[in-house]
């Protein structure tokens, strides 16, 4: 039990985002009428019974918002997922020129240290409800870690497909859970196409393919939590990294739902901002061209977790940015490494490359005066221990000395201050 009684059905059906065609809940993600993407539709009457007091009385995990998540029964896995810290970032804010800055720190999310634990918790529980025989995913690393871990808890076989040259740290952090791990020659988009064929052939629950409508709803909990943690006061701006575009799209949906259901009036006015690496920035490129079509690109960046050249939710991320009055920025690999370094040295948070992209993009957006007055939240989505090599270029070799106090004194006299001045 997650607390607060038995859960009743809330997700009434799936609806196409393009033509509006509705179907009964099922492990499918594409409309049979127009081939558009499907999304979950909720029972508004049930959702409107949810109160702040009821949420606050529940355990500190993502299931405290269960009326706004697409399960029909009590979750069986994922009870340690979510409700990550929201940290006031004064020193980083001074360095970036953002007065009221906060960090939503999913770098410490359980169990695998990224926001992907949220989406996987929802997808695995839905797979169990559908009675699927196995689960899996296409992944650039974080999703692979999360699926392998939570499938192990659920007792489901996991088939995980990754690019052949994925970082060794992420491969190890997936393999340890005992999945069927398959390396595929090519980039993420090649892996994703293969997984679509796998889902069709064997009927497994590929979390970011045929379970995608349910999986993506887990991202909303980032938005729900940060608003609750701000005292039910919506932030003015939220900046999030964009890979496939789903996180930013679902953040926007979270704010709309909080407003619509009376939990945080005014949340619909929160502006959402996207961040991409310049070596894989198809969504930012479309925004700058003032187009709705996202043109695929070939990824060329060290930000592997964002290296999706043909983002499935790209058009909807653009729509969310424009409707909210937000914007987006792309940053170089050198800038994202500087972002990793700056976040660590000012706030003691070690993030992976996607977080470096977010910090660096925040600086660009602040310099462009794109941000509205009021609280600004940076979504840090993964832990730096997953990609430690990215930070290595900024680190000097540590000196080696004998165990003599005089040599320590020599170092102190020669050393320049290491602290970041902000």
Foldseek 3Di string as FASTA:
>chain_A
DQDDDKAAAWFQFKAFPPPGDTDHDDLAFADPPPRGGIATDTDLVQLLVDAPVQLVVTDAALCSSVNLAGDGTDQPDRSQFHLADKAFFCQLCVVLVHHGEIERQQCPTPDARFLLLQLLSQLVRVQVVNVFQAEEEQALFPNLLNNLVRCLVVVHAYEYEYAQPRDPLRVVSNPVSPHNYHHDHDASVVRHVVVLVVCVPRVHHHCCGSVVNNSLLSLLSSLVSVCVVVVLEAWQEEEFEAALLSNQLSSLVSLVSCCVSVNRNPSNLRAYEYFAAPQACQLQVCVVVVHLDGDFDQGDEPQSRRGHRHRSCSSSSNVRNVSNQHHYDHHYLVQLLVQQVSCCQRPVAHADSRSSRRSSGSSVCVVVVSTDPGYYYYYRGHGNSSPVVSNVVVDDDDDDDDPDPVVVVVCVVPDDDPHDDD
